[in-house]
Amino acid sequence: MRHIWTLLTDATEATEAVQTADTSSLQSMTGMLNTLMLIMLLGFGAYGIYTYIRLRRTYEMFPNKFMYPGNCKPEDCVDPDGFLDYIMPRVLILSVAMLICGLAYGVYYVMKLDLLWVDIASMVVPVAILIWYAVAQRKASKLYW
Protein backbone atom coordinates (compact mmCIF):
# COMPACT_ATOMS: atom_id res chain seq x y z
CA MET A 1 0.00 0.00 0.00
CA ARG A 2 2.87 2.32 0.82
CA HIS A 3 4.35 1.78 -2.67
CA ILE A 4 1.08 2.77 -4.32
CA TRP A 5 0.89 5.93 -2.19
CA THR A 6 4.47 6.85 -3.14
CA LEU A 7 3.74 6.16 -6.81
CA LEU A 8 0.61 8.35 -6.73
CA THR A 9 2.48 11.14 -4.93
CA ASP A 10 5.31 11.05 -7.47
CA ALA A 11 2.83 11.06 -10.37
CA THR A 12 0.98 14.04 -8.89
CA GLU A 13 4.21 15.99 -8.39
CA ALA A 14 5.34 15.19 -11.94
CA THR A 15 1.97 16.33 -13.35
CA GLU A 16 2.15 19.59 -11.39
CA ALA A 17 5.71 20.19 -12.61
CA VAL A 18 4.66 19.68 -16.25
CA GLN A 19 1.68 22.01 -15.82
CA THR A 20 3.90 24.68 -14.26
CA ALA A 21 6.45 24.32 -17.08
CA ASP A 22 3.70 24.62 -19.73
CA THR A 23 2.28 27.70 -18.05
CA SER A 24 5.65 29.41 -17.71
CA SER A 25 6.62 28.71 -21.34
CA LEU A 26 3.26 30.05 -22.51
CA GLN A 27 3.68 33.14 -20.35
CA SER A 28 7.18 33.75 -21.66
CA MET A 29 5.96 33.43 -25.26
CA THR A 30 3.09 35.80 -24.57
CA GLY A 31 5.49 38.25 -22.94
CA MET A 32 7.79 38.08 -25.95
CA LEU A 33 4.89 38.72 -28.36
CA ASN A 34 3.66 41.63 -26.21
CA THR A 35 7.14 43.14 -26.26
CA LEU A 36 7.38 42.70 -30.03
CA MET A 37 3.99 44.36 -30.51
CA LEU A 38 5.03 47.26 -28.30
CA ILE A 39 8.32 47.75 -30.16
CA MET A 40 6.58 47.57 -33.54
CA LEU A 41 3.91 50.12 -32.65
CA LEU A 42 6.35 52.58 -31.11
CA GLY A 43 8.91 52.07 -33.88
CA PHE A 44 6.31 52.50 -36.60
CA GLY A 45 5.04 55.69 -34.97
CA ALA A 46 8.54 57.10 -34.43
CA TYR A 47 9.56 56.42 -38.04
CA GLY A 48 6.37 58.06 -39.24
CA ILE A 49 7.08 61.16 -37.15
CA TYR A 50 10.60 61.25 -38.61
CA THR A 51 9.13 61.00 -42.12
CA TYR A 52 6.66 63.80 -41.41
CA ILE A 53 9.33 66.10 -39.95
CA ARG A 54 11.62 65.48 -42.91
CA LEU A 55 8.77 66.18 -45.35
CA ARG A 56 7.86 69.33 -43.45
CA ARG A 57 11.45 70.64 -43.51
CA THR A 58 12.44 69.79 -47.08
CA TYR A 59 9.03 69.65 -48.76
CA GLU A 60 10.44 67.35 -51.40
CA MET A 61 9.91 63.73 -52.28
CA PHE A 62 12.64 61.40 -51.07
CA PRO A 63 13.00 57.61 -51.23
CA ASN A 64 10.77 56.20 -48.53
CA LYS A 65 8.71 53.00 -48.53
CA PHE A 66 6.49 54.40 -45.80
CA MET A 67 4.63 57.10 -47.69
CA TYR A 68 4.47 56.00 -51.32
CA PRO A 69 1.80 53.69 -52.65
CA GLY A 70 3.03 50.25 -53.72
CA ASN A 71 5.39 50.22 -56.71
CA CYS A 72 5.10 53.99 -57.20
CA LYS A 73 8.40 55.78 -57.64
CA PRO A 74 8.82 59.42 -56.55
CA GLU A 75 10.20 60.43 -59.94
CA ASP A 76 7.07 59.13 -61.72
CA CYS A 77 4.71 61.34 -59.71
CA VAL A 78 2.61 63.64 -61.91
CA ASP A 79 2.00 66.30 -59.22
CA PRO A 80 4.60 66.10 -56.41
CA ASP A 81 3.34 69.20 -54.58
CA GLY A 82 -0.23 67.94 -54.64
CA PHE A 83 0.87 64.52 -53.41
CA LEU A 84 2.85 66.04 -50.54
CA ASP A 85 -0.10 68.21 -49.55
CA TYR A 86 -2.30 65.11 -49.63
CA ILE A 87 -0.03 62.63 -47.85
CA MET A 88 1.62 64.76 -45.14
CA PRO A 89 -1.40 65.09 -42.84
CA ARG A 90 -2.19 61.40 -43.28
CA VAL A 91 1.37 60.41 -42.38
CA LEU A 92 1.11 62.57 -39.26
CA ILE A 93 -2.25 61.08 -38.25
CA LEU A 94 -0.98 57.54 -38.81
CA SER A 95 2.21 58.17 -36.85
CA VAL A 96 0.55 59.84 -33.88
CA ALA A 97 -2.13 57.15 -33.78
CA MET A 98 0.50 54.40 -33.78
CA LEU A 99 2.44 56.15 -31.00
CA ILE A 100 -0.73 56.50 -28.94
CA CYS A 101 -1.58 52.82 -29.55
CA GLY A 102 1.97 51.87 -28.54
CA LEU A 103 1.84 53.92 -25.37
CA ALA A 104 -1.59 52.57 -24.46
CA TYR A 105 -0.40 49.04 -25.17
CA GLY A 106 2.67 49.67 -23.01
CA VAL A 107 0.50 50.80 -20.10
CA TYR A 108 -1.75 47.78 -20.61
CA TYR A 109 1.29 45.48 -20.74
CA VAL A 110 2.96 46.96 -17.64
CA MET A 111 -0.22 46.96 -15.57
CA LYS A 112 -0.96 43.36 -16.69
CA LEU A 113 -4.64 44.02 -17.27
CA ASP A 114 -6.56 40.93 -18.28
CA LEU A 115 -9.59 42.37 -20.04
CA LEU A 116 -10.91 40.84 -23.24
CA TRP A 117 -12.01 44.14 -24.77
CA VAL A 118 -8.54 45.61 -24.20
CA ASP A 119 -6.96 42.59 -25.90
CA ILE A 120 -9.27 42.95 -28.88
CA ALA A 121 -8.86 46.74 -29.10
CA SER A 122 -5.07 46.48 -28.95
CA MET A 123 -5.17 44.45 -32.15
CA VAL A 124 -8.15 45.92 -33.98
CA VAL A 125 -7.34 49.63 -33.60
CA PRO A 126 -3.81 49.52 -35.14
CA VAL A 127 -5.04 47.29 -37.97
CA ALA A 128 -7.96 49.65 -38.64
CA ILE A 129 -5.57 52.61 -38.77
CA LEU A 130 -3.30 50.78 -41.21
CA ILE A 131 -6.28 49.90 -43.41
CA TRP A 132 -7.34 53.56 -43.42
CA TYR A 133 -3.82 54.58 -44.46
CA ALA A 134 -3.69 51.91 -47.19
CA VAL A 135 -6.96 53.25 -48.63
CA ALA A 136 -5.50 56.77 -48.57
CA GLN A 137 -2.38 55.55 -50.38
CA ARG A 138 -4.48 53.78 -53.00
CA LYS A 139 -6.41 56.99 -53.60
CA ALA A 140 -3.10 58.88 -53.87
CA SER A 141 -1.82 56.43 -56.47
CA LYS A 142 -4.90 57.06 -58.62
CA LEU A 143 -4.66 60.83 -58.24
CA TYR A 144 -0.92 61.45 -58.52
CA TRP A 145 0.57 58.57 -60.54
C-alpha atoms as a PDB file:
ATOM      1  CA  MET A   1       0.000   0.000   0.000  1.00  0.00           C
ATOM      2  CA  ARG A   2       2.870   2.318   0.819  1.00  0.00           C
ATOM      3  CA  HIS A   3       4.349   1.784  -2.674  1.00  0.00           C
ATOM      4  CA  ILE A   4       1.084   2.766  -4.323  1.00  0.00           C
ATOM      5  CA  TRP A   5       0.889   5.925  -2.186  1.00  0.00           C
ATOM      6  CA  THR A   6       4.471   6.851  -3.142  1.00  0.00           C
ATOM      7  CA  LEU A   7       3.737   6.161  -6.811  1.00  0.00           C
ATOM      8  CA  LEU A   8       0.607   8.354  -6.733  1.00  0.00           C
ATOM      9  CA  THR A   9       2.476  11.136  -4.925  1.00  0.00           C
ATOM     10  CA  ASP A  10       5.306  11.046  -7.473  1.00  0.00           C
ATOM     11  CA  ALA A  11       2.828  11.061 -10.365  1.00  0.00           C
ATOM     12  CA  THR A  12       0.985  14.037  -8.885  1.00  0.00           C
ATOM     13  CA  GLU A  13       4.208  15.988  -8.392  1.00  0.00           C
ATOM     14  CA  ALA A  14       5.337  15.194 -11.941  1.00  0.00           C
ATOM     15  CA  THR A  15       1.973  16.328 -13.349  1.00  0.00           C
ATOM     16  CA  GLU A  16       2.150  19.590 -11.389  1.00  0.00           C
ATOM     17  CA  ALA A  17       5.712  20.192 -12.614  1.00  0.00           C
ATOM     18  CA  VAL A  18       4.658  19.681 -16.253  1.00  0.00           C
ATOM     19  CA  GLN A  19       1.676  22.007 -15.824  1.00  0.00           C
ATOM     20  CA  THR A  20       3.901  24.677 -14.264  1.00  0.00           C
ATOM     21  CA  ALA A  21       6.448  24.325 -17.077  1.00  0.00           C
ATOM     22  CA  ASP A  22       3.704  24.617 -19.727  1.00  0.00           C
ATOM     23  CA  THR A  23       2.277  27.701 -18.051  1.00  0.00           C
ATOM     24  CA  SER A  24       5.653  29.409 -17.712  1.00  0.00           C
ATOM     25  CA  SER A  25       6.621  28.712 -21.342  1.00  0.00           C
ATOM     26  CA  LEU A  26       3.262  30.052 -22.509  1.00  0.00           C
ATOM     27  CA  GLN A  27       3.677  33.140 -20.347  1.00  0.00           C
ATOM     28  CA  SER A  28       7.183  33.749 -21.662  1.00  0.00           C
ATOM     29  CA  MET A  29       5.963  33.429 -25.257  1.00  0.00           C
ATOM     30  CA  THR A  30       3.091  35.800 -24.574  1.00  0.00           C
ATOM     31  CA  GLY A  31       5.488  38.247 -22.941  1.00  0.00           C
ATOM     32  CA  MET A  32       7.788  38.083 -25.952  1.00  0.00           C
ATOM     33  CA  LEU A  33       4.891  38.719 -28.358  1.00  0.00           C
ATOM     34  CA  ASN A  34       3.664  41.626 -26.212  1.00  0.00           C
ATOM     35  CA  THR A  35       7.142  43.143 -26.257  1.00  0.00           C
ATOM     36  CA  LEU A  36       7.379  42.696 -30.030  1.00  0.00           C
ATOM     37  CA  MET A  37       3.989  44.357 -30.514  1.00  0.00           C
ATOM     38  CA  LEU A  38       5.029  47.255 -28.297  1.00  0.00           C
ATOM     39  CA  ILE A  39       8.316  47.750 -30.164  1.00  0.00           C
ATOM     40  CA  MET A  40       6.578  47.566 -33.543  1.00  0.00           C
ATOM     41  CA  LEU A  41       3.910  50.119 -32.648  1.00  0.00           C
ATOM     42  CA  LEU A  42       6.347  52.583 -31.110  1.00  0.00           C
ATOM     43  CA  GLY A  43       8.914  52.068 -33.878  1.00  0.00           C
ATOM     44  CA  PHE A  44       6.308  52.504 -36.597  1.00  0.00           C
ATOM     45  CA  GLY A  45       5.038  55.688 -34.972  1.00  0.00           C
ATOM     46  CA  ALA A  46       8.539  57.102 -34.433  1.00  0.00           C
ATOM     47  CA  TYR A  47       9.564  56.422 -38.041  1.00  0.00           C
ATOM     48  CA  GLY A  48       6.365  58.058 -39.238  1.00  0.00           C
ATOM     49  CA  ILE A  49       7.077  61.158 -37.148  1.00  0.00           C
ATOM     50  CA  TYR A  50      10.602  61.250 -38.606  1.00  0.00           C
ATOM     51  CA  THR A  51       9.131  61.004 -42.124  1.00  0.00           C
ATOM     52  CA  TYR A  52       6.660  63.800 -41.410  1.00  0.00           C
ATOM     53  CA  ILE A  53       9.328  66.097 -39.954  1.00  0.00           C
ATOM     54  CA  ARG A  54      11.620  65.475 -42.909  1.00  0.00           C
ATOM     55  CA  LEU A  55       8.771  66.184 -45.348  1.00  0.00           C
ATOM     56  CA  ARG A  56       7.864  69.334 -43.451  1.00  0.00           C
ATOM     57  CA  ARG A  57      11.451  70.641 -43.509  1.00  0.00           C
ATOM     58  CA  THR A  58      12.437  69.792 -47.077  1.00  0.00           C
ATOM     59  CA  TYR A  59       9.027  69.653 -48.759  1.00  0.00           C
ATOM     60  CA  GLU A  60      10.439  67.351 -51.395  1.00  0.00           C
ATOM     61  CA  MET A  61       9.914  63.734 -52.277  1.00  0.00           C
ATOM     62  CA  PHE A  62      12.642  61.405 -51.075  1.00  0.00           C
ATOM     63  CA  PRO A  63      13.004  57.613 -51.234  1.00  0.00           C
ATOM     64  CA  ASN A  64      10.769  56.199 -48.531  1.00  0.00           C
ATOM     65  CA  LYS A  65       8.706  52.998 -48.532  1.00  0.00           C
ATOM     66  CA  PHE A  66       6.486  54.403 -45.798  1.00  0.00           C
ATOM     67  CA  MET A  67       4.627  57.100 -47.689  1.00  0.00           C
ATOM     68  CA  TYR A  68       4.475  56.001 -51.316  1.00  0.00           C
ATOM     69  CA  PRO A  69       1.803  53.688 -52.655  1.00  0.00           C
ATOM     70  CA  GLY A  70       3.027  50.254 -53.719  1.00  0.00           C
ATOM     71  CA  ASN A  71       5.386  50.219 -56.714  1.00  0.00           C
ATOM     72  CA  CYS A  72       5.099  53.990 -57.198  1.00  0.00           C
ATOM     73  CA  LYS A  73       8.396  55.784 -57.641  1.00  0.00           C
ATOM     74  CA  PRO A  74       8.816  59.416 -56.554  1.00  0.00           C
ATOM     75  CA  GLU A  75      10.198  60.426 -59.943  1.00  0.00           C
ATOM     76  CA  ASP A  76       7.066  59.128 -61.725  1.00  0.00           C
ATOM     77  CA  CYS A  77       4.709  61.344 -59.710  1.00  0.00           C
ATOM     78  CA  VAL A  78       2.607  63.641 -61.912  1.00  0.00           C
ATOM     79  CA  ASP A  79       2.002  66.299 -59.220  1.00  0.00           C
ATOM     80  CA  PRO A  80       4.599  66.096 -56.411  1.00  0.00           C
ATOM     81  CA  ASP A  81       3.340  69.196 -54.584  1.00  0.00           C
ATOM     82  CA  GLY A  82      -0.231  67.936 -54.635  1.00  0.00           C
ATOM     83  CA  PHE A  83       0.865  64.522 -53.410  1.00  0.00           C
ATOM     84  CA  LEU A  84       2.853  66.044 -50.541  1.00  0.00           C
ATOM     85  CA  ASP A  85      -0.099  68.210 -49.552  1.00  0.00           C
ATOM     86  CA  TYR A  86      -2.296  65.106 -49.635  1.00  0.00           C
ATOM     87  CA  ILE A  87      -0.031  62.628 -47.847  1.00  0.00           C
ATOM     88  CA  MET A  88       1.623  64.761 -45.137  1.00  0.00           C
ATOM     89  CA  PRO A  89      -1.404  65.091 -42.837  1.00  0.00           C
ATOM     90  CA  ARG A  90      -2.191  61.404 -43.281  1.00  0.00           C
ATOM     91  CA  VAL A  91       1.369  60.408 -42.376  1.00  0.00           C
ATOM     92  CA  LEU A  92       1.114  62.573 -39.256  1.00  0.00           C
ATOM     93  CA  ILE A  93      -2.252  61.083 -38.254  1.00  0.00           C
ATOM     94  CA  LEU A  94      -0.984  57.539 -38.806  1.00  0.00           C
ATOM     95  CA  SER A  95       2.208  58.170 -36.850  1.00  0.00           C
ATOM     96  CA  VAL A  96       0.548  59.839 -33.880  1.00  0.00           C
ATOM     97  CA  ALA A  97      -2.134  57.146 -33.785  1.00  0.00           C
ATOM     98  CA  MET A  98       0.503  54.402 -33.776  1.00  0.00           C
ATOM     99  CA  LEU A  99       2.443  56.152 -31.002  1.00  0.00           C
ATOM    100  CA  ILE A 100      -0.732  56.502 -28.940  1.00  0.00           C
ATOM    101  CA  CYS A 101      -1.580  52.822 -29.551  1.00  0.00           C
ATOM    102  CA  GLY A 102       1.966  51.874 -28.542  1.00  0.00           C
ATOM    103  CA  LEU A 103       1.836  53.923 -25.368  1.00  0.00           C
ATOM    104  CA  ALA A 104      -1.595  52.566 -24.460  1.00  0.00           C
ATOM    105  CA  TYR A 105      -0.401  49.035 -25.165  1.00  0.00           C
ATOM    106  CA  GLY A 106       2.666  49.665 -23.012  1.00  0.00           C
ATOM    107  CA  VAL A 107       0.499  50.804 -20.103  1.00  0.00           C
ATOM    108  CA  TYR A 108      -1.747  47.785 -20.608  1.00  0.00           C
ATOM    109  CA  TYR A 109       1.285  45.480 -20.737  1.00  0.00           C
ATOM    110  CA  VAL A 110       2.963  46.960 -17.642  1.00  0.00           C
ATOM    111  CA  MET A 111      -0.220  46.955 -15.573  1.00  0.00           C
ATOM    112  CA  LYS A 112      -0.957  43.365 -16.688  1.00  0.00           C
ATOM    113  CA  LEU A 113      -4.640  44.019 -17.272  1.00  0.00           C
ATOM    114  CA  ASP A 114      -6.562  40.932 -18.284  1.00  0.00           C
ATOM    115  CA  LEU A 115      -9.590  42.367 -20.041  1.00  0.00           C
ATOM    116  CA  LEU A 116     -10.912  40.843 -23.243  1.00  0.00           C
ATOM    117  CA  TRP A 117     -12.012  44.141 -24.769  1.00  0.00           C
ATOM    118  CA  VAL A 118      -8.543  45.608 -24.203  1.00  0.00           C
ATOM    119  CA  ASP A 119      -6.957  42.585 -25.904  1.00  0.00           C
ATOM    120  CA  ILE A 120      -9.268  42.953 -28.883  1.00  0.00           C
ATOM    121  CA  ALA A 121      -8.865  46.742 -29.096  1.00  0.00           C
ATOM    122  CA  SER A 122      -5.068  46.477 -28.945  1.00  0.00           C
ATOM    123  CA  MET A 123      -5.169  44.446 -32.153  1.00  0.00           C
ATOM    124  CA  VAL A 124      -8.148  45.923 -33.983  1.00  0.00           C
ATOM    125  CA  VAL A 125      -7.339  49.633 -33.601  1.00  0.00           C
ATOM    126  CA  PRO A 126      -3.813  49.518 -35.135  1.00  0.00           C
ATOM    127  CA  VAL A 127      -5.040  47.293 -37.974  1.00  0.00           C
ATOM    128  CA  ALA A 128      -7.958  49.655 -38.642  1.00  0.00           C
ATOM    129  CA  ILE A 129      -5.574  52.611 -38.768  1.00  0.00           C
ATOM    130  CA  LEU A 130      -3.299  50.776 -41.210  1.00  0.00           C
ATOM    131  CA  ILE A 131      -6.277  49.904 -43.414  1.00  0.00           C
ATOM    132  CA  TRP A 132      -7.336  53.556 -43.420  1.00  0.00           C
ATOM    133  CA  TYR A 133      -3.820  54.582 -44.464  1.00  0.00           C
ATOM    134  CA  ALA A 134      -3.693  51.909 -47.186  1.00  0.00           C
ATOM    135  CA  VAL A 135      -6.957  53.247 -48.629  1.00  0.00           C
ATOM    136  CA  ALA A 136      -5.499  56.770 -48.568  1.00  0.00           C
ATOM    137  CA  GLN A 137      -2.378  55.545 -50.381  1.00  0.00           C
ATOM    138  CA  ARG A 138      -4.479  53.784 -52.998  1.00  0.00           C
ATOM    139  CA  LYS A 139      -6.406  56.985 -53.601  1.00  0.00           C
ATOM    140  CA  ALA A 140      -3.099  58.883 -53.871  1.00  0.00           C
ATOM    141  CA  SER A 141      -1.817  56.427 -56.471  1.00  0.00           C
ATOM    142  CA  LYS A 142      -4.900  57.062 -58.619  1.00  0.00           C
ATOM    143  CA  LEU A 143      -4.662  60.825 -58.243  1.00  0.00           C
ATOM    144  CA  TYR A 144      -0.924  61.451 -58.525  1.00  0.00           C
ATOM    145  CA  TRP A 145       0.574  58.573 -60.540  1.00  0.00           C
END
